[in-house]
PDB file of N, CA and C in Angstrom:
ATOM      1  N   MET A   1      53.993  69.632 -44.446  1.00  0.00           N
ATOM      2  CA  MET A   1      53.251  68.408 -44.286  1.00  0.00           C
ATOM      3  C   MET A   1      53.781  67.585 -43.119  1.00  0.00           C
ATOM      4  N   LYS A   2      54.938  67.919 -42.602  1.00  0.00           N
ATOM      5  CA  LYS A   2      55.486  67.155 -41.499  1.00  0.00           C
ATOM      6  C   LYS A   2      54.702  67.357 -40.214  1.00  0.00           C
ATOM      7  N   ASN A   3      54.140  68.524 -40.038  1.00  0.00           N
ATOM      8  CA  ASN A   3      53.477  68.851 -38.782  1.00  0.00           C
ATOM      9  C   ASN A   3      52.015  68.444 -38.749  1.00  0.00           C
ATOM     10  N   MET A   4      51.519  67.811 -39.799  1.00  0.00           N
ATOM     11  CA  MET A   4      50.114  67.398 -39.797  1.00  0.00           C
ATOM     12  C   MET A   4      49.911  66.254 -38.825  1.00  0.00           C
ATOM     13  N   ARG A   5      48.919  66.408 -37.976  1.00  0.00           N
ATOM     14  CA  ARG A   5      48.585  65.354 -37.027  1.00  0.00           C
ATOM     15  C   ARG A   5      47.466  64.499 -37.592  1.00  0.00           C
ATOM     16  N   ARG A   6      47.486  63.266 -37.218  1.00  0.00           N
ATOM     17  CA  ARG A   6      46.408  62.370 -37.620  1.00  0.00           C
ATOM     18  C   ARG A   6      45.490  62.191 -36.424  1.00  0.00           C
ATOM     19  N   SER A   7      44.216  62.364 -36.650  1.00  0.00           N
ATOM     20  CA  SER A   7      43.250  62.237 -35.571  1.00  0.00           C
ATOM     21  C   SER A   7      43.148  60.785 -35.122  1.00  0.00           C
ATOM     22  N   ILE A   8      43.066  60.581 -33.812  1.00  0.00           N
ATOM     23  CA  ILE A   8      42.949  59.216 -33.304  1.00  0.00           C
ATOM     24  C   ILE A   8      41.547  58.672 -33.513  1.00  0.00           C
ATOM     25  N   TRP A   9      40.581  59.536 -33.777  1.00  0.00           N
ATOM     26  CA  TRP A   9      39.196  59.109 -33.962  1.00  0.00           C
ATOM     27  C   TRP A   9      38.863  58.836 -35.419  1.00  0.00           C
ATOM     28  N   ARG A  10      39.811  59.037 -36.302  1.00  0.00           N
ATOM     29  CA  ARG A  10      39.533  58.907 -37.724  1.00  0.00           C
ATOM     30  C   ARG A  10      39.089  57.495 -38.108  1.00  0.00           C
ATOM     31  N   ASP A  11      39.716  56.496 -37.549  1.00  0.00           N
ATOM     32  CA  ASP A  11      39.407  55.115 -37.902  1.00  0.00           C
ATOM     33  C   ASP A  11      38.527  54.425 -36.868  1.00  0.00           C
ATOM     34  N   ALA A  12      37.903  55.175 -35.996  1.00  0.00           N
ATOM     35  CA  ALA A  12      37.116  54.573 -34.917  1.00  0.00           C
ATOM     36  C   ALA A  12      35.865  53.869 -35.431  1.00  0.00           C
ATOM     37  N   ALA A  13      35.306  54.296 -36.537  1.00  0.00           N
ATOM     38  CA  ALA A  13      34.069  53.702 -37.042  1.00  0.00           C
ATOM     39  C   ALA A  13      34.314  52.571 -38.038  1.00  0.00           C
ATOM     40  N   LEU A  14      35.559  52.303 -38.369  1.00  0.00           N
ATOM     41  CA  LEU A  14      35.848  51.234 -39.320  1.00  0.00           C
ATOM     42  C   LEU A  14      35.621  49.870 -38.676  1.00  0.00           C
ATOM     43  N   ILE A  15      35.220  48.920 -39.491  1.00  0.00           N
ATOM     44  CA  ILE A  15      34.976  47.564 -39.010  1.00  0.00           C
ATOM     45  C   ILE A  15      36.319  46.858 -38.864  1.00  0.00           C
ATOM     46  N   PRO A  16      36.579  46.259 -37.703  1.00  0.00           N
ATOM     47  CA  PRO A  16      37.850  45.530 -37.561  1.00  0.00           C
ATOM     48  C   PRO A  16      37.874  44.306 -38.466  1.00  0.00           C
ATOM     49  N   ARG A  17      39.029  44.039 -39.066  1.00  0.00           N
ATOM     50  CA  ARG A  17      39.138  42.952 -40.028  1.00  0.00           C
ATOM     51  C   ARG A  17      40.329  42.062 -39.678  1.00  0.00           C
ATOM     52  N   VAL A  18      40.178  40.787 -39.994  1.00  0.00           N
ATOM     53  CA  VAL A  18      41.271  39.825 -39.923  1.00  0.00           C
ATOM     54  C   VAL A  18      41.434  39.315 -41.346  1.00  0.00           C
ATOM     55  N   GLY A  19      42.378  39.901 -42.052  1.00  0.00           N
ATOM     56  CA  GLY A  19      42.521  39.599 -43.479  1.00  0.00           C
ATOM     57  C   GLY A  19      41.338  40.196 -44.223  1.00  0.00           C
ATOM     58  N   PRO A  20      40.715  39.423 -45.105  1.00  0.00           N
ATOM     59  CA  PRO A  20      39.578  39.965 -45.854  1.00  0.00           C
ATOM     60  C   PRO A  20      38.234  39.781 -45.156  1.00  0.00           C
ATOM     61  N   VAL A  21      38.229  39.186 -43.953  1.00  0.00           N
ATOM     62  CA  VAL A  21      36.978  38.830 -43.287  1.00  0.00           C
ATOM     63  C   VAL A  21      36.754  39.737 -42.081  1.00  0.00           C
ATOM     64  N   ASP A  22      35.500  40.062 -41.843  1.00  0.00           N
ATOM     65  CA  ASP A  22      35.095  40.845 -40.678  1.00  0.00           C
ATOM     66  C   ASP A  22      35.503  40.112 -39.402  1.00  0.00           C
ATOM     67  N   ALA A  23      36.037  40.836 -38.429  1.00  0.00           N
ATOM     68  CA  ALA A  23      36.527  40.199 -37.201  1.00  0.00           C
ATOM     69  C   ALA A  23      35.396  39.608 -36.369  1.00  0.00           C
ATOM     70  N   ARG A  24      34.161  40.085 -36.550  1.00  0.00           N
ATOM     71  CA  ARG A  24      33.033  39.519 -35.805  1.00  0.00           C
ATOM     72  C   ARG A  24      32.742  38.087 -36.217  1.00  0.00           C
ATOM     73  N   ALA A  25      33.251  37.664 -37.349  1.00  0.00           N
ATOM     74  CA  ALA A  25      33.032  36.295 -37.811  1.00  0.00           C
ATOM     75  C   ALA A  25      33.815  35.290 -36.981  1.00  0.00           C
ATOM     76  N   PHE A  26      34.800  35.743 -36.234  1.00  0.00           N
ATOM     77  CA  PHE A  26      35.645  34.831 -35.484  1.00  0.00           C
ATOM     78  C   PHE A  26      35.148  34.579 -34.064  1.00  0.00           C
ATOM     79  N   PHE A  27      34.032  35.168 -33.655  1.00  0.00           N
ATOM     80  CA  PHE A  27      33.471  34.877 -32.334  1.00  0.00           C
ATOM     81  C   PHE A  27      33.033  33.420 -32.193  1.00  0.00           C
ATOM     82  N   PRO A  28      32.441  32.790 -33.212  1.00  0.00           N
ATOM     83  CA  PRO A  28      32.154  31.355 -33.075  1.00  0.00           C
ATOM     84  C   PRO A  28      33.420  30.512 -32.881  1.00  0.00           C
ATOM     85  N   LEU A  29      34.530  30.949 -33.442  1.00  0.00           N
ATOM     86  CA  LEU A  29      35.785  30.232 -33.237  1.00  0.00           C
ATOM     87  C   LEU A  29      36.228  30.332 -31.779  1.00  0.00           C
ATOM     88  N   LEU A  30      35.994  31.462 -31.162  1.00  0.00           N
ATOM     89  CA  LEU A  30      36.297  31.625 -29.742  1.00  0.00           C
ATOM     90  C   LEU A  30      35.457  30.671 -28.906  1.00  0.00           C
ATOM     91  N   GLY A  31      34.189  30.528 -29.261  1.00  0.00           N
ATOM     92  CA  GLY A  31      33.339  29.564 -28.567  1.00  0.00           C
ATOM     93  C   GLY A  31      33.800  28.138 -28.783  1.00  0.00           C
ATOM     94  N   ALA A  32      34.309  27.844 -29.971  1.00  0.00           N
ATOM     95  CA  ALA A  32      34.799  26.497 -30.257  1.00  0.00           C
ATOM     96  C   ALA A  32      36.073  26.194 -29.474  1.00  0.00           C
ATOM     97  N   LEU A  33      36.840  27.214 -29.158  1.00  0.00           N
ATOM     98  CA  LEU A  33      38.042  26.985 -28.353  1.00  0.00           C
ATOM     99  C   LEU A  33      37.696  26.648 -26.906  1.00  0.00           C
ATOM    100  N   PHE A  34      36.581  27.173 -26.406  1.00  0.00           N
ATOM    101  CA  PHE A  34      36.161  26.857 -25.041  1.00  0.00           C
ATOM    102  C   PHE A  34      35.441  25.516 -24.958  1.00  0.00           C
ATOM    103  N   TYR A  35      34.869  25.058 -26.060  1.00  0.00           N
ATOM    104  CA  TYR A  35      34.175  23.774 -26.108  1.00  0.00           C
ATOM    105  C   TYR A  35      34.728  22.985 -27.288  1.00  0.00           C
ATOM    106  N   PRO A  36      35.916  22.411 -27.128  1.00  0.00           N
ATOM    107  CA  PRO A  36      36.600  21.794 -28.274  1.00  0.00           C
ATOM    108  C   PRO A  36      36.004  20.452 -28.695  1.00  0.00           C
ATOM    109  N   ARG A  37      35.157  20.512 -29.678  1.00  0.00           N
ATOM    110  CA  ARG A  37      34.604  19.319 -30.315  1.00  0.00           C
ATOM    111  C   ARG A  37      34.730  19.511 -31.829  1.00  0.00           C
ATOM    112  N   LYS A  38      34.682  18.426 -32.549  1.00  0.00           N
ATOM    113  CA  LYS A  38      34.802  18.526 -34.008  1.00  0.00           C
ATOM    114  C   LYS A  38      33.654  19.319 -34.602  1.00  0.00           C
ATOM    115  N   TRP A  39      32.437  19.082 -34.104  1.00  0.00           N
ATOM    116  CA  TRP A  39      31.286  19.770 -34.673  1.00  0.00           C
ATOM    117  C   TRP A  39      31.305  21.259 -34.343  1.00  0.00           C
ATOM    118  N   SER A  40      31.863  21.647 -33.176  1.00  0.00           N
ATOM    119  CA  SER A  40      31.900  23.077 -32.847  1.00  0.00           C
ATOM    120  C   SER A  40      32.920  23.805 -33.718  1.00  0.00           C
ATOM    121  N   PHE A  41      34.055  23.158 -34.003  1.00  0.00           N
ATOM    122  CA  PHE A  41      35.014  23.769 -34.925  1.00  0.00           C
ATOM    123  C   PHE A  41      34.448  23.830 -36.341  1.00  0.00           C
ATOM    124  N   ALA A  42      33.730  22.789 -36.738  1.00  0.00           N
ATOM    125  CA  ALA A  42      33.112  22.799 -38.070  1.00  0.00           C
ATOM    126  C   ALA A  42      32.071  23.908 -38.169  1.00  0.00           C
ATOM    127  N   LEU A  43      31.298  24.096 -37.107  1.00  0.00           N
ATOM    128  CA  LEU A  43      30.302  25.169 -37.092  1.00  0.00           C
ATOM    129  C   LEU A  43      30.968  26.543 -37.135  1.00  0.00           C
ATOM    130  N   ALA A  44      32.092  26.692 -36.427  1.00  0.00           N
ATOM    131  CA  ALA A  44      32.817  27.962 -36.434  1.00  0.00           C
ATOM    132  C   ALA A  44      33.397  28.259 -37.814  1.00  0.00           C
ATOM    133  N   VAL A  45      33.965  27.255 -38.449  1.00  0.00           N
ATOM    134  CA  VAL A  45      34.517  27.450 -39.799  1.00  0.00           C
ATOM    135  C   VAL A  45      33.398  27.752 -40.785  1.00  0.00           C
ATOM    136  N   LEU A  46      32.266  27.088 -40.626  1.00  0.00           N
ATOM    137  CA  LEU A  46      31.113  27.357 -41.482  1.00  0.00           C
ATOM    138  C   LEU A  46      30.617  28.794 -41.301  1.00  0.00           C
ATOM    139  N   ALA A  47      30.631  29.288 -40.065  1.00  0.00           N
ATOM    140  CA  ALA A  47      30.227  30.675 -39.815  1.00  0.00           C
ATOM    141  C   ALA A  47      31.205  31.656 -40.456  1.00  0.00           C
ATOM    142  N   ILE A  48      32.492  31.366 -40.377  1.00  0.00           N
ATOM    143  CA  ILE A  48      33.499  32.242 -40.988  1.00  0.00           C
ATOM    144  C   ILE A  48      33.336  32.259 -42.506  1.00  0.00           C
ATOM    145  N   VAL A  49      33.115  31.105 -43.101  1.00  0.00           N
ATOM    146  CA  VAL A  49      32.890  31.035 -44.552  1.00  0.00           C
ATOM    147  C   VAL A  49      31.602  31.767 -44.919  1.00  0.00           C
ATOM    148  N   GLY A  50      30.580  31.630 -44.082  1.00  0.00           N
ATOM    149  CA  GLY A  50      29.324  32.347 -44.322  1.00  0.00           C
ATOM    150  C   GLY A  50      29.509  33.853 -44.290  1.00  0.00           C
ATOM    151  N   PHE A  51      30.281  34.350 -43.322  1.00  0.00           N
ATOM    152  CA  PHE A  51      30.569  35.782 -43.264  1.00  0.00           C
ATOM    153  C   PHE A  51      31.364  36.225 -44.482  1.00  0.00           C
ATOM    154  N   PHE A  52      32.292  35.397 -44.931  1.00  0.00           N
ATOM    155  CA  PHE A  52      33.096  35.745 -46.099  1.00  0.00           C
ATOM    156  C   PHE A  52      32.227  35.857 -47.347  1.00  0.00           C
ATOM    157  N   ILE A  53      31.341  34.893 -47.542  1.00  0.00           N
ATOM    158  CA  ILE A  53      30.434  34.927 -48.696  1.00  0.00           C
ATOM    159  C   ILE A  53      29.481  36.109 -48.596  1.00  0.00           C
ATOM    160  N   MET A  54      28.998  36.377 -47.390  1.00  0.00           N
ATOM    161  CA  MET A  54      28.083  37.496 -47.172  1.00  0.00           C
ATOM    162  C   MET A  54      28.750  38.819 -47.545  1.00  0.00           C
ATOM    163  N   GLU A  55      30.021  38.983 -47.172  1.00  0.00           N
ATOM    164  CA  GLU A  55      30.718  40.222 -47.503  1.00  0.00           C
ATOM    165  C   GLU A  55      31.053  40.314 -48.985  1.00  0.00           C
ATOM    166  N   LYS A  56      31.284  39.177 -49.638  1.00  0.00           N
ATOM    167  CA  LYS A  56      31.536  39.208 -51.076  1.00  0.00           C
ATOM    168  C   LYS A  56      30.298  39.676 -51.835  1.00  0.00           C
ATOM    169  N   ARG A  57      29.123  39.413 -51.290  1.00  0.00           N
ATOM    170  CA  ARG A  57      27.882  39.866 -51.918  1.00  0.00           C
ATOM    171  C   ARG A  57      27.523  41.298 -51.534  1.00  0.00           C
ATOM    172  N   GLY A  58      28.314  41.911 -50.663  1.00  0.00           N
ATOM    173  CA  GLY A  58      28.104  43.308 -50.325  1.00  0.00           C
ATOM    174  C   GLY A  58      27.311  43.549 -49.056  1.00  0.00           C
ATOM    175  N   TYR A  59      27.103  42.526 -48.255  1.00  0.00           N
ATOM    176  CA  TYR A  59      26.357  42.677 -47.010  1.00  0.00           C
ATOM    177  C   TYR A  59      27.304  42.691 -45.817  1.00  0.00           C
ATOM    178  N   THR A  60      26.932  43.479 -44.809  1.00  0.00           N
ATOM    179  CA  THR A  60      27.541  43.341 -43.501  1.00  0.00           C
ATOM    180  C   THR A  60      26.483  42.721 -42.602  1.00  0.00           C
ATOM    181  N   LEU A  61      26.839  42.381 -41.385  1.00  0.00           N
ATOM    182  CA  LEU A  61      25.876  41.722 -40.508  1.00  0.00           C
ATOM    183  C   LEU A  61      24.658  42.605 -40.226  1.00  0.00           C
ATOM    184  N   PRO A  62      24.824  43.893 -39.868  1.00  0.00           N
ATOM    185  CA  PRO A  62      23.626  44.719 -39.648  1.00  0.00           C
ATOM    186  C   PRO A  62      22.772  44.892 -40.902  1.00  0.00           C
ATOM    187  N   VAL A  63      23.409  45.022 -42.059  1.00  0.00           N
ATOM    188  CA  VAL A  63      22.657  45.189 -43.306  1.00  0.00           C
ATOM    189  C   VAL A  63      21.899  43.910 -43.642  1.00  0.00           C
ATOM    190  N   LEU A  64      22.515  42.758 -43.418  1.00  0.00           N
ATOM    191  CA  LEU A  64      21.838  41.488 -43.675  1.00  0.00           C
ATOM    192  C   LEU A  64      20.637  41.321 -42.750  1.00  0.00           C
ATOM    193  N   LEU A  65      20.796  41.678 -41.478  1.00  0.00           N
ATOM    194  CA  LEU A  65      19.668  41.567 -40.546  1.00  0.00           C
ATOM    195  C   LEU A  65      18.529  42.504 -40.938  1.00  0.00           C
ATOM    196  N   ARG A  66      18.863  43.710 -41.417  1.00  0.00           N
ATOM    197  CA  ARG A  66      17.821  44.628 -41.893  1.00  0.00           C
ATOM    198  C   ARG A  66      17.122  44.077 -43.128  1.00  0.00           C
ATOM    199  N   ALA A  67      17.875  43.466 -44.035  1.00  0.00           N
ATOM    200  CA  ALA A  67      17.276  42.893 -45.245  1.00  0.00           C
ATOM    201  C   ALA A  67      16.345  41.734 -44.896  1.00  0.00           C
ATOM    202  N   ILE A  68      16.746  40.899 -43.945  1.00  0.00           N
ATOM    203  CA  ILE A  68      15.882  39.796 -43.511  1.00  0.00           C
ATOM    204  C   ILE A  68      14.626  40.339 -42.856  1.00  0.00           C
ATOM    205  N   ARG A  69      14.780  41.362 -42.014  1.00  0.00           N
ATOM    206  CA  ARG A  69      13.616  41.970 -41.363  1.00  0.00           C
ATOM    207  C   ARG A  69      12.673  42.578 -42.394  1.00  0.00           C
ATOM    208  N   HIS A  70      13.220  43.187 -43.437  1.00  0.00           N
ATOM    209  CA  HIS A  70      12.391  43.769 -44.488  1.00  0.00           C
ATOM    210  C   HIS A  70      11.618  42.687 -45.237  1.00  0.00           C
ATOM    211  N   LYS A  71      12.266  41.563 -45.512  1.00  0.00           N
ATOM    212  CA  LYS A  71      11.576  40.464 -46.201  1.00  0.00           C
ATOM    213  C   LYS A  71      10.462  39.883 -45.335  1.00  0.00           C
ATOM    214  N   LEU A  72      10.698  39.775 -44.035  1.00  0.00           N
ATOM    215  CA  LEU A  72       9.682  39.225 -43.140  1.00  0.00           C
ATOM    216  C   LEU A  72       8.520  40.195 -42.926  1.00  0.00           C
ATOM    217  N   ARG A  73       8.832  41.478 -42.833  1.00  0.00           N
ATOM    218  CA  ARG A  73       7.828  42.488 -42.531  1.00  0.00           C
ATOM    219  C   ARG A  73       6.997  42.841 -43.748  1.00  0.00           C
ATOM    220  N   GLY A  74       7.602  42.940 -44.897  1.00  0.00           N
ATOM    221  CA  GLY A  74       6.898  43.348 -46.102  1.00  0.00           C
ATOM    222  C   GLY A  74       7.274  44.761 -46.492  1.00  0.00           C
ATOM    223  N   ALA A  75       6.719  45.222 -47.594  1.00  0.00           N
ATOM    224  CA  ALA A  75       7.113  46.521 -48.139  1.00  0.00           C
ATOM    225  C   ALA A  75       6.402  47.687 -47.464  1.00  0.00           C
ATOM    226  N   VAL A  76       5.204  47.462 -46.912  1.00  0.00           N
ATOM    227  CA  VAL A  76       4.433  48.555 -46.320  1.00  0.00           C
ATOM    228  C   VAL A  76       4.773  48.663 -44.842  1.00  0.00           C
ATOM    229  N   VAL A  77       5.226  49.842 -44.438  1.00  0.00           N
ATOM    230  CA  VAL A  77       5.517  50.101 -43.034  1.00  0.00           C
ATOM    231  C   VAL A  77       4.560  51.187 -42.572  1.00  0.00           C
ATOM    232  N   HIS A  78       3.706  50.858 -41.629  1.00  0.00           N
ATOM    233  CA  HIS A  78       2.733  51.823 -41.142  1.00  0.00           C
ATOM    234  C   HIS A  78       3.391  52.787 -40.164  1.00  0.00           C
ATOM    235  N   ALA A  79       2.913  54.023 -40.171  1.00  0.00           N
ATOM    236  CA  ALA A  79       3.505  55.039 -39.319  1.00  0.00           C
ATOM    237  C   ALA A  79       3.077  54.878 -37.869  1.00  0.00           C
ATOM    238  N   ARG A  80       1.939  54.273 -37.648  1.00  0.00           N
ATOM    239  CA  ARG A  80       1.456  54.079 -36.285  1.00  0.00           C
ATOM    240  C   ARG A  80       1.248  52.597 -36.027  1.00  0.00           C
ATOM    241  N   ALA A  81       1.406  52.225 -34.788  1.00  0.00           N
ATOM    242  CA  ALA A  81       1.207  50.828 -34.421  1.00  0.00           C
ATOM    243  C   ALA A  81      -0.270  50.476 -34.531  1.00  0.00           C
ATOM    244  N   TRP A  82      -0.561  49.193 -34.647  1.00  0.00           N
ATOM    245  CA  TRP A  82      -1.942  48.757 -34.873  1.00  0.00           C
ATOM    246  C   TRP A  82      -2.835  49.088 -33.693  1.00  0.00           C
ATOM    247  N   TRP A  83      -2.315  49.168 -32.480  1.00  0.00           N
ATOM    248  CA  TRP A  83      -3.167  49.430 -31.324  1.00  0.00           C
ATOM    249  C   TRP A  83      -3.485  50.910 -31.156  1.00  0.00           C
ATOM    250  N   HIS A  84      -2.844  51.779 -31.935  1.00  0.00           N
ATOM    251  CA  HIS A  84      -3.149  53.206 -31.884  1.00  0.00           C
ATOM    252  C   HIS A  84      -4.157  53.640 -32.948  1.00  0.00           C
ATOM    253  N   HIS A  85      -4.501  52.783 -33.876  1.00  0.00           N
ATOM    254  CA  HIS A  85      -5.443  53.142 -34.931  1.00  0.00           C
ATOM    255  C   HIS A  85      -6.866  53.178 -34.384  1.00  0.00           C
ATOM    256  N   ARG A  86      -7.595  54.191 -34.780  1.00  0.00           N
ATOM    257  CA  ARG A  86      -9.010  54.280 -34.403  1.00  0.00           C
ATOM    258  C   ARG A  86      -9.828  53.646 -35.515  1.00  0.00           C
ATOM    259  N   ARG A  87     -10.578  52.650 -35.171  1.00  0.00           N
ATOM    260  CA  ARG A  87     -11.345  51.920 -36.182  1.00  0.00           C
ATOM    261  C   ARG A  87     -12.835  52.145 -35.952  1.00  0.00           C
ATOM    262  N   TYR A  88     -13.323  53.344 -36.212  1.00  0.00           N
ATOM    263  CA  TYR A  88     -14.764  53.612 -36.115  1.00  0.00           C
ATOM    264  C   TYR A  88     -15.190  54.608 -37.144  1.00  0.00           C
TER     265      TYR A  88
END
């Protein structure tokens, strides 16, 4: 077992984390550091808390965006676009 190598690509698809929160949640904090106002820090902290709550419910950012798109679009997805349908 000593000679087993660990692949460097094994963890390439994992989501980077800062503690229990997704690291993408801290981008608003980076913006708040460039524009230091009380409301920008409050907005950044609110975004981090929002990401934390979202992950506690089992959503990631791409999954949440897909769920929102599904709610807006509806349950029926047509195979062809409306401009390709022949209506005669």
